[in-house]
Amino acid sequence: MSVQQVLNLLENQKIEVKNEDLHVELVSPTTQEMFKQCMNDAGYTNSIRPFEHKYQIKTGSRYWNRSKFLFTSDESLFEECDTQGKVPEELLYFDENQCKFVEFNSDLALHNKLEIFLGLKNLLTELADHTIPNEEVIFLIKNDDGGVKHKVSISLDYSSFKSVFSNNRIDLKESVKLLKKLQQKISLDDAQDKERINCMRSAFDVLIQGLDEEREIFTYTLANIVKFHKTYTEHHNMFLSDFTINKVIQEINTKDLEYTGKINDITSSVQTKALAIPGAMVAITAIMKVDSLVSAAGVLFALFLTCLVIQKSLDIYKDSFRHLSKQVKNVFSRYQVLSQKSEVRTEAKQTEEALDELIRKGEDGLSYVSKVIWAVWIASLFFVLFKMNNTKPTEPTSLTGAPIIVTAEKNKTNQNTSILHTVKVNKPVPETPDDSKLKAQSSESNKVINKQ
């Protein structure tokens, strides 16, 4: 037989409670046989005999072939719940105000009180560093002063339990709901369980600060579940805020590295283009050895084309720097409107300024390279003009220092070849002793040749 059927039978009878035993006076149309049959079906094992038209029913669990489900006092129900560590299901509770049994559910104040009592015991047990089951929990909590140790007794007698909830200002239903939320927060079995547990421990430490005696901790917390939940929420939001800030700062640093890499790539390319300047110097060296105006003009034109190509590349890099500057400004400006702490805005501002400085230096470097390249070309132009104006054609000279014109004729006679050398002297040059010797030797040589 279900508990509901027993309840339907008992609620129509006259019931008196003495020493937690029931004295039931049957009310028509309920008969003795019906009453006995109902109790036996419910699991009652003791004999049922009438005494002065009343039937005595023992509520102890040994008189039933099932767990105890009839409770005639708040104290007996409290002790049962404290022993089992939970609120029993399917039990009947004698309401002294109505003088009848009612189903024990969440609509009753005692049910909510017991849920708070047992729920907080379980919660503190899960949060504690060390536990003595059903007696004491120990917390070792880090704080700004280094750390603190709390010993919390979680055992409670009925009188203390009753006095805790004597305050009518406690919202029992709200306390039950928030306590269940706290229990759920540390039972999600996800990656953030540890963080939520730490936040809850920190909130508990803040909640009980200022209490003179540690034995007051548990009872004080029982009466302040709403405040406990509020403190936890504040600590958790603070943690989320810090976590978000760290995440945003990490994002800012990532973007910083990204844009710095782009700037470095452009700078490396500019340096590569700047290596063309030594090539220009080679061209200038070539110009210094060129005597022809046409050759010099060709070298100058080639050097001009090289400088022009480099300048076009530098212009592209300059446009890239301008685009990067706009992109950096747009990306980092959105961090200035975040509602988080100023730490994010400060970090974003500093990073933006550093990137702007890198971009500015890059643009200055482009301008410098451009000026150097064109300065080299202009210097080459002036050098060519100067050299062309100061260059005169040269003529071959004789051994005596006078210009000579040499003609050669080849005469073939039989198998011999004779070479006739004619020397025309444009201007007489004073002879030296060495020159006389050379002439004599030359005359003798000519005679020998003519004989042959």
Protein backbone atom coordinates (compact mmCIF):
# COMPACT_ATOMS: atom_id res chain seq x y z
CA MET A 1 0.00 0.00 0.00
CA SER A 2 1.25 3.44 -0.84
CA VAL A 3 1.88 6.25 1.61
CA GLN A 4 -0.94 8.17 0.00
CA GLN A 5 -3.44 5.44 0.86
CA VAL A 6 -2.33 5.47 4.51
CA LEU A 7 -2.65 9.23 4.50
CA ASN A 8 -6.17 9.03 3.09
CA LEU A 9 -7.13 6.60 5.85
CA LEU A 10 -5.59 8.54 8.74
CA GLU A 11 -6.72 12.02 7.75
CA ASN A 12 -10.37 11.04 8.35
CA GLN A 13 -9.72 9.68 11.87
CA LYS A 14 -9.27 11.36 15.22
CA ILE A 15 -5.62 11.12 16.13
CA GLU A 16 -3.83 11.87 19.36
CA VAL A 17 -0.04 11.72 19.78
CA LYS A 18 1.45 10.45 23.03
CA ASN A 19 5.17 9.71 23.36
CA GLU A 20 5.42 9.64 19.58
CA ASP A 21 2.81 6.87 19.43
CA LEU A 22 -0.49 7.27 17.65
CA HIS A 23 -3.82 6.78 19.37
CA VAL A 24 -6.40 6.52 16.63
CA GLU A 25 -10.13 6.75 17.18
CA LEU A 26 -11.96 5.42 14.17
CA VAL A 27 -14.60 7.54 12.52
CA SER A 28 -17.46 6.01 10.53
CA PRO A 29 -17.56 4.57 7.97
CA THR A 30 -14.07 3.18 8.76
CA THR A 31 -14.35 -0.16 10.54
CA GLN A 32 -11.86 -2.08 12.66
CA GLU A 33 -11.31 -4.62 9.89
CA MET A 34 -10.66 -1.90 7.34
CA PHE A 35 -8.22 -0.16 9.64
CA LYS A 36 -6.28 -3.34 10.49
CA GLN A 37 -6.12 -4.39 6.85
CA CYS A 38 -4.82 -0.98 5.82
CA MET A 39 -2.09 -0.95 8.49
CA ASN A 40 -1.01 -4.49 7.69
CA ASP A 41 -0.81 -3.69 3.99
CA ALA A 42 1.31 -0.67 4.84
CA GLY A 43 3.84 -2.93 6.61
CA TYR A 44 2.83 -2.60 10.25
CA THR A 45 3.94 -5.80 12.06
CA ASN A 46 2.70 -5.21 15.62
CA SER A 47 -0.69 -6.39 16.79
CA ILE A 48 -3.55 -3.89 16.70
CA ARG A 49 -5.87 -3.96 19.68
CA PRO A 50 -8.47 -1.42 20.73
CA PHE A 51 -8.15 0.26 24.12
CA GLU A 52 -10.95 2.50 25.18
CA HIS A 53 -12.14 2.63 21.57
CA LYS A 54 -8.71 3.73 20.39
CA TYR A 55 -6.00 1.88 18.50
CA GLN A 56 -2.37 2.39 19.41
CA ILE A 57 0.09 2.50 16.53
CA LYS A 58 3.83 2.47 17.21
CA THR A 59 5.87 4.72 14.91
CA GLY A 60 9.29 3.13 15.51
CA SER A 61 10.93 1.48 12.49
CA ARG A 62 11.14 -1.88 14.29
CA TYR A 63 7.36 -2.11 14.21
CA TRP A 64 7.31 -1.83 10.46
CA ASN A 65 8.75 -4.01 7.72
CA ARG A 66 9.92 -0.86 5.95
CA SER A 67 11.82 2.26 6.90
CA LYS A 68 10.16 4.68 9.24
CA PHE A 69 7.69 6.92 7.47
CA LEU A 70 5.45 8.24 10.26
CA PHE A 71 6.88 11.20 12.16
CA THR A 72 4.99 12.86 14.95
CA SER A 73 7.54 15.58 15.92
CA ASP A 74 10.03 17.93 14.33
CA GLU A 75 12.83 16.62 16.50
CA SER A 76 12.37 13.00 15.47
CA LEU A 77 12.33 14.00 11.81
CA PHE A 78 15.46 16.17 12.28
CA GLU A 79 17.35 13.29 13.89
CA GLU A 80 16.28 10.93 11.13
CA CYS A 81 17.50 13.31 8.44
CA ASP A 82 20.76 14.01 10.28
CA THR A 83 21.43 10.28 10.60
CA GLN A 84 20.67 9.43 6.98
CA GLY A 85 22.22 12.59 5.58
CA LYS A 86 19.19 13.30 3.42
CA VAL A 87 15.50 14.11 3.62
CA PRO A 88 13.56 10.81 3.41
CA GLU A 89 11.02 10.47 0.65
CA GLU A 90 7.41 9.31 0.96
CA LEU A 91 6.87 10.02 4.63
CA LEU A 92 3.99 11.41 6.63
CA TYR A 93 4.41 14.28 9.03
CA PHE A 94 2.03 15.11 11.87
CA ASP A 95 1.11 18.77 11.73
CA GLU A 96 0.41 19.90 15.28
CA ASN A 97 -1.34 23.03 14.10
CA GLN A 98 -3.85 21.02 12.05
CA CYS A 99 -3.76 17.94 14.33
CA LYS A 100 -3.48 15.60 11.37
CA PHE A 101 -0.94 13.89 9.17
CA VAL A 102 0.17 15.57 5.98
CA GLU A 103 2.53 14.55 3.21
CA PHE A 104 6.01 15.85 3.91
CA ASN A 105 7.04 17.98 0.91
CA SER A 106 8.68 21.28 -0.02
CA ASP A 107 5.53 23.23 0.84
CA LEU A 108 6.33 22.77 4.53
CA ALA A 109 8.75 25.10 6.31
CA LEU A 110 10.44 22.22 8.12
CA HIS A 111 11.19 20.54 4.82
CA ASN A 112 12.98 23.68 3.57
CA LYS A 113 14.91 24.04 6.82
CA LEU A 114 16.12 20.47 6.64
CA GLU A 115 17.14 20.90 3.01
CA ILE A 116 19.21 23.94 3.93
CA PHE A 117 20.82 22.14 6.86
CA LEU A 118 21.76 19.02 4.91
CA GLY A 119 22.65 20.90 1.74
CA LEU A 120 25.11 23.20 3.51
CA LYS A 121 26.74 20.25 5.27
CA ASN A 122 27.34 18.53 1.95
CA LEU A 123 28.53 21.73 0.28
CA LEU A 124 31.10 22.56 2.97
CA THR A 125 32.30 18.96 2.95
CA GLU A 126 33.02 19.21 -0.78
CA LEU A 127 34.73 22.58 -0.43
CA ALA A 128 36.89 21.70 2.59
CA ASP A 129 40.52 20.60 2.49
CA HIS A 130 40.06 18.06 5.29
CA THR A 131 36.92 16.51 6.76
CA ILE A 132 35.83 14.48 9.74
CA PRO A 133 32.57 12.95 8.44
CA ASN A 134 29.45 14.54 9.98
CA GLU A 135 31.55 16.33 12.57
CA GLU A 136 34.04 18.88 11.31
CA VAL A 137 35.56 20.36 8.17
CA ILE A 138 38.86 22.23 7.89
CA PHE A 139 39.59 25.00 5.40
CA LEU A 140 43.05 26.26 4.45
CA ILE A 141 42.34 29.37 2.40
CA LYS A 142 44.86 31.73 0.81
CA ASN A 143 44.15 35.42 1.14
CA ASP A 144 45.92 38.78 0.92
CA ASP A 145 47.57 38.19 4.31
CA GLY A 146 49.02 34.85 3.26
CA GLY A 147 46.47 32.31 4.45
CA VAL A 148 43.94 31.40 7.10
CA LYS A 149 42.69 28.20 8.70
CA HIS A 150 39.04 27.61 9.59
CA LYS A 151 37.71 24.71 11.64
CA VAL A 152 33.97 24.41 11.14
CA SER A 153 31.81 22.07 13.20
CA ILE A 154 28.96 20.80 11.01
CA SER A 155 27.23 18.78 13.72
CA LEU A 156 24.16 20.39 15.23
CA ASP A 157 21.61 19.41 17.87
CA TYR A 158 17.93 20.06 17.46
CA SER A 159 17.80 23.05 19.82
CA SER A 160 20.56 24.83 17.88
CA PHE A 161 18.85 23.93 14.62
CA LYS A 162 15.58 25.34 15.86
CA SER A 163 17.18 28.56 17.11
CA VAL A 164 18.91 29.22 13.77
CA PHE A 165 15.60 29.39 11.91
CA SER A 166 13.72 31.24 14.60
CA ASN A 167 14.47 34.39 12.63
CA ASN A 168 11.44 35.02 10.48
CA ARG A 169 13.46 37.22 8.13
CA ILE A 170 15.09 34.17 6.51
CA ASP A 171 13.62 33.48 3.08
CA LEU A 172 13.54 29.69 3.22
CA LYS A 173 12.47 28.99 -0.35
CA GLU A 174 14.99 31.44 -1.77
CA SER A 175 17.73 29.97 0.42
CA VAL A 176 16.94 26.46 -0.79
CA LYS A 177 17.01 27.58 -4.43
CA LEU A 178 20.31 29.45 -4.11
CA LEU A 179 21.93 26.64 -2.14
CA LYS A 180 21.06 24.21 -4.93
CA LYS A 181 22.63 26.62 -7.41
CA LEU A 182 25.82 26.71 -5.35
CA GLN A 183 25.91 22.92 -5.31
CA GLN A 184 25.42 22.80 -9.07
CA LYS A 185 28.25 25.26 -9.66
CA ILE A 186 30.85 22.83 -8.35
CA SER A 187 29.28 19.72 -9.88
CA LEU A 188 29.30 20.57 -13.59
CA ASP A 189 32.37 18.38 -14.18
CA ASP A 190 33.96 20.78 -16.64
CA ALA A 191 37.29 22.59 -16.95
CA GLN A 192 36.12 25.49 -14.77
CA ASP A 193 35.08 23.43 -11.73
CA LYS A 194 38.35 24.18 -9.95
CA GLU A 195 38.02 27.93 -10.55
CA ARG A 196 34.44 27.96 -9.25
CA ILE A 197 35.44 25.98 -6.17
CA ASN A 198 38.23 28.47 -5.43
CA CYS A 199 35.81 31.37 -5.87
CA MET A 200 33.33 29.72 -3.50
CA ARG A 201 36.00 29.06 -0.88
CA SER A 202 37.10 32.68 -1.13
CA ALA A 203 33.49 33.84 -0.77
CA PHE A 204 33.04 31.62 2.30
CA ASP A 205 36.17 33.12 3.86
CA VAL A 206 34.83 36.63 3.30
CA LEU A 207 31.39 35.67 4.64
CA ILE A 208 32.64 34.39 8.00
CA GLN A 209 35.24 37.08 8.62
CA GLY A 210 34.64 38.88 11.88
CA LEU A 211 33.04 35.94 13.72
CA ASP A 212 34.53 35.62 17.18
CA GLU A 213 33.91 31.90 17.70
CA GLU A 214 34.36 29.18 15.13
CA ARG A 215 31.34 27.29 16.42
CA GLU A 216 29.21 30.16 15.15
CA ILE A 217 30.39 29.70 11.57
CA PHE A 218 28.01 26.93 10.56
CA THR A 219 24.91 28.40 12.18
CA TYR A 220 25.71 31.86 10.80
CA THR A 221 26.10 30.45 7.29
CA LEU A 222 22.81 28.54 7.61
CA ALA A 223 21.01 31.81 8.23
CA ASN A 224 22.86 33.68 5.43
CA ILE A 225 22.67 31.47 2.37
CA VAL A 226 21.44 34.38 0.26
CA LYS A 227 24.44 36.47 1.30
CA PHE A 228 26.76 33.53 0.66
CA HIS A 229 25.46 33.19 -2.89
CA LYS A 230 25.75 36.93 -3.51
CA THR A 231 29.37 36.98 -2.30
CA TYR A 232 30.22 33.99 -4.47
CA THR A 233 28.64 35.65 -7.50
CA GLU A 234 30.74 38.78 -6.94
CA HIS A 235 33.94 36.75 -6.62
CA HIS A 236 33.14 34.67 -9.69
CA ASN A 237 32.31 37.74 -11.75
CA MET A 238 35.60 39.25 -10.64
CA PHE A 239 37.39 36.09 -11.76
CA LEU A 240 35.58 36.15 -15.12
CA SER A 241 36.46 39.81 -15.52
CA ASP A 242 40.14 39.11 -14.84
CA PHE A 243 40.01 36.09 -17.14
CA THR A 244 38.44 38.19 -19.88
CA ILE A 245 41.00 40.93 -19.37
CA ASN A 246 43.86 38.44 -19.61
CA LYS A 247 42.33 36.95 -22.73
CA VAL A 248 41.91 40.37 -24.35
CA ILE A 249 45.47 41.36 -23.41
CA GLN A 250 46.71 38.11 -24.93
CA GLU A 251 44.75 38.96 -28.08
CA ILE A 252 46.36 42.42 -28.12
CA ASN A 253 49.82 40.88 -27.78
CA THR A 254 49.05 38.49 -30.63
CA LYS A 255 48.03 41.37 -32.86
CA ASP A 256 51.15 43.24 -31.79
CA LEU A 257 53.32 40.35 -32.96
CA GLU A 258 51.32 40.06 -36.17
CA TYR A 259 51.72 43.71 -37.15
CA THR A 260 55.33 43.82 -36.01
CA GLY A 261 56.01 40.87 -38.30
CA LYS A 262 54.42 42.69 -41.23
CA ILE A 263 56.48 45.81 -40.54
CA ASN A 264 59.66 43.73 -40.31
CA ASP A 265 58.86 42.03 -43.62
CA ILE A 266 58.48 45.38 -45.35
CA THR A 267 61.66 46.67 -43.71
CA SER A 268 63.59 43.60 -44.89
CA SER A 269 62.36 44.15 -48.44
CA VAL A 270 63.45 47.80 -48.27
CA GLN A 271 66.87 46.71 -47.10
CA THR A 272 67.08 44.37 -50.08
CA LYS A 273 66.25 47.24 -52.41
CA ALA A 274 68.84 49.40 -50.66
CA LEU A 275 71.48 46.86 -51.66
CA ALA A 276 71.09 48.21 -55.21
CA ILE A 277 73.08 51.27 -54.11
CA PRO A 278 76.40 49.36 -54.25
CA GLY A 279 75.38 48.43 -57.81
CA ALA A 280 75.04 52.11 -58.54
CA MET A 281 78.53 52.67 -57.21
CA VAL A 282 79.80 49.99 -59.59
CA ALA A 283 78.09 51.89 -62.40
CA ILE A 284 79.86 55.08 -61.33
CA THR A 285 83.17 53.21 -61.43
CA ALA A 286 82.34 52.15 -64.95
CA ILE A 287 81.61 55.77 -65.87
CA MET A 288 85.03 56.81 -64.61
CA LYS A 289 86.62 54.47 -67.20
CA VAL A 290 84.39 55.53 -70.09
CA ASP A 291 85.80 58.08 -72.55
CA SER A 292 82.91 57.97 -75.02
CA LEU A 293 79.91 60.22 -74.45
CA VAL A 294 77.55 57.59 -75.85
CA SER A 295 78.82 54.91 -73.46
CA ALA A 296 78.52 57.27 -70.51
CA ALA A 297 74.96 58.18 -71.51
CA GLY A 298 74.09 54.47 -71.69
CA VAL A 299 75.44 53.83 -68.23
CA LEU A 300 73.54 56.85 -66.89
CA PHE A 301 70.31 55.67 -68.50
CA ALA A 302 70.67 52.17 -67.04
CA LEU A 303 71.38 53.66 -63.64
CA PHE A 304 68.31 55.89 -63.99
CA LEU A 305 66.07 52.90 -64.77
CA THR A 306 67.45 51.05 -61.74
CA CYS A 307 66.73 54.01 -59.47
CA LEU A 308 63.24 54.35 -60.98
CA VAL A 309 62.36 50.70 -60.30
CA ILE A 310 63.64 50.99 -56.74
CA GLN A 311 61.59 54.17 -56.23
CA LYS A 312 58.42 52.44 -57.46
CA SER A 313 59.03 49.62 -54.97
CA LEU A 314 59.57 52.14 -52.20
CA ASP A 315 56.28 53.85 -53.11
CA ILE A 316 54.46 50.53 -52.80
CA TYR A 317 56.04 49.95 -49.40
CA LYS A 318 55.03 53.45 -48.33
CA ASP A 319 51.41 52.71 -49.30
CA SER A 320 51.65 49.46 -47.33
CA PHE A 321 52.81 51.37 -44.26
CA ARG A 322 49.90 53.80 -44.61
CA HIS A 323 47.45 50.91 -44.87
CA LEU A 324 49.00 49.25 -41.82
CA SER A 325 48.71 52.49 -39.88
CA LYS A 326 44.98 52.75 -40.64
CA GLN A 327 44.44 49.08 -39.82
CA VAL A 328 46.24 49.36 -36.48
CA LYS A 329 44.16 52.40 -35.58
CA ASN A 330 40.88 50.65 -36.47
CA VAL A 331 41.76 47.41 -34.67
CA PHE A 332 42.97 48.94 -31.42
CA SER A 333 40.31 51.65 -31.23
CA ARG A 334 37.66 49.06 -30.37
CA TYR A 335 39.53 48.18 -27.18
CA GLN A 336 39.05 51.74 -25.95
CA VAL A 337 35.28 51.27 -25.60
CA LEU A 338 35.38 48.07 -23.53
CA SER A 339 33.71 48.24 -20.13
CA GLN A 340 36.45 46.21 -18.43
CA LYS A 341 39.11 47.68 -16.21
CA SER A 342 41.38 50.37 -17.61
CA GLU A 343 44.14 47.76 -17.79
CA VAL A 344 42.87 46.65 -21.20
CA ARG A 345 42.60 50.18 -22.53
CA THR A 346 46.09 51.02 -21.25
CA GLU A 347 47.62 47.92 -22.83
CA ALA A 348 45.87 48.61 -26.13
CA LYS A 349 46.97 52.24 -26.13
CA GLN A 350 50.59 51.39 -25.40
CA THR A 351 50.67 48.72 -28.11
CA GLU A 352 49.08 51.05 -30.65
CA GLU A 353 51.61 53.79 -29.89
CA ALA A 354 54.51 51.33 -30.19
CA LEU A 355 53.27 50.11 -33.58
CA ASP A 356 52.73 53.67 -34.78
CA GLU A 357 56.32 54.47 -33.82
CA LEU A 358 57.59 51.45 -35.78
CA ILE A 359 55.54 52.49 -38.81
CA ARG A 360 56.83 56.06 -38.57
CA LYS A 361 60.43 54.86 -38.44
CA GLY A 362 59.76 52.60 -41.41
CA GLU A 363 58.40 55.50 -43.44
CA ASP A 364 61.41 57.63 -42.48
CA GLY A 365 63.67 54.82 -43.62
CA LEU A 366 61.89 54.69 -46.99
CA SER A 367 62.39 58.42 -47.47
CA TYR A 368 66.06 58.14 -46.56
CA VAL A 369 66.71 55.29 -49.01
CA SER A 370 64.89 57.20 -51.75
CA LYS A 371 67.00 60.30 -51.17
CA VAL A 372 70.24 58.33 -51.18
CA ILE A 373 69.40 56.56 -54.46
CA TRP A 374 68.54 59.74 -56.34
CA ALA A 375 71.49 61.57 -54.82
CA VAL A 376 73.73 58.85 -56.24
CA TRP A 377 72.17 59.22 -59.69
CA ILE A 378 72.47 63.03 -59.69
CA ALA A 379 76.07 62.78 -58.51
CA SER A 380 76.77 60.36 -61.36
CA LEU A 381 75.24 62.80 -63.86
CA PHE A 382 77.40 65.70 -62.70
CA PHE A 383 80.47 63.50 -62.66
CA VAL A 384 79.92 62.46 -66.29
CA LEU A 385 79.45 66.06 -67.39
CA PHE A 386 82.58 67.10 -65.56
CA LYS A 387 84.66 64.28 -67.01
CA MET A 388 83.46 64.85 -70.57
CA ASN A 389 84.39 68.52 -70.39
CA ASN A 390 87.91 67.77 -69.19
CA THR A 391 88.79 64.90 -71.54
CA LYS A 392 91.06 65.56 -74.77
CA PRO A 393 91.94 63.07 -77.53
CA THR A 394 95.49 61.59 -77.28
CA GLU A 395 98.06 60.88 -80.08
CA PRO A 396 100.92 58.32 -80.17
CA THR A 397 104.44 59.74 -79.73
CA SER A 398 107.86 58.75 -81.02
CA LEU A 399 110.74 57.62 -78.94
CA THR A 400 112.09 61.17 -79.09
CA GLY A 401 108.86 62.58 -77.82
CA ALA A 402 107.52 63.95 -81.16
CA PRO A 403 104.36 62.70 -82.80
CA ILE A 404 105.02 60.21 -85.56
CA ILE A 405 103.07 58.74 -88.39
CA VAL A 406 103.99 55.19 -89.31
CA THR A 407 103.14 53.67 -92.68
CA ALA A 408 103.94 50.19 -93.73
CA GLU A 409 104.13 48.65 -97.15
CA LYS A 410 104.58 45.04 -97.87
CA ASN A 411 106.64 44.08 -100.86
CA LYS A 412 106.87 40.52 -101.89
CA THR A 413 109.91 39.38 -103.78
CA ASN A 414 110.25 35.68 -104.49
CA GLN A 415 110.21 34.16 -101.03
CA ASN A 416 111.34 37.19 -99.06
CA THR A 417 109.21 39.97 -97.64
CA SER A 418 110.64 43.40 -97.17
CA ILE A 419 109.12 46.07 -94.98
CA LEU A 420 109.74 49.65 -95.75
CA HIS A 421 109.46 52.01 -92.81
CA THR A 422 109.00 55.67 -93.55
CA VAL A 423 109.21 58.08 -90.72
CA LYS A 424 108.08 61.64 -91.13
CA VAL A 425 109.22 64.02 -88.52
CA ASN A 426 106.91 66.95 -88.11
CA LYS A 427 109.22 68.99 -85.95
CA PRO A 428 112.94 68.83 -85.41
CA VAL A 429 113.84 67.78 -81.99
CA PRO A 430 117.24 68.37 -80.46
CA GLU A 431 119.30 65.25 -80.51
CA THR A 432 120.95 63.74 -77.55
CA PRO A 433 123.92 61.39 -77.56
CA ASP A 434 121.63 58.47 -77.07
CA ASP A 435 119.52 59.55 -80.02
CA SER A 436 122.65 59.68 -82.27
CA LYS A 437 123.53 56.14 -81.34
CA LEU A 438 120.01 54.99 -82.09
CA LYS A 439 120.15 56.69 -85.53
CA ALA A 440 123.44 55.03 -86.39
CA GLN A 441 122.12 51.66 -85.42
CA SER A 442 119.00 52.28 -87.47
CA SER A 443 121.03 53.23 -90.58
CA GLU A 444 123.10 50.11 -90.36
CA SER A 445 119.98 48.04 -90.05
CA ASN A 446 118.46 49.64 -93.13
CA LYS A 447 121.62 48.93 -95.14
CA VAL A 448 121.54 45.32 -94.22
CA ILE A 449 117.91 45.08 -95.21
CA ASN A 450 118.52 46.75 -98.58
CA LYS A 451 121.37 44.37 -99.40
CA GLN A 452 119.19 41.46 -98.77
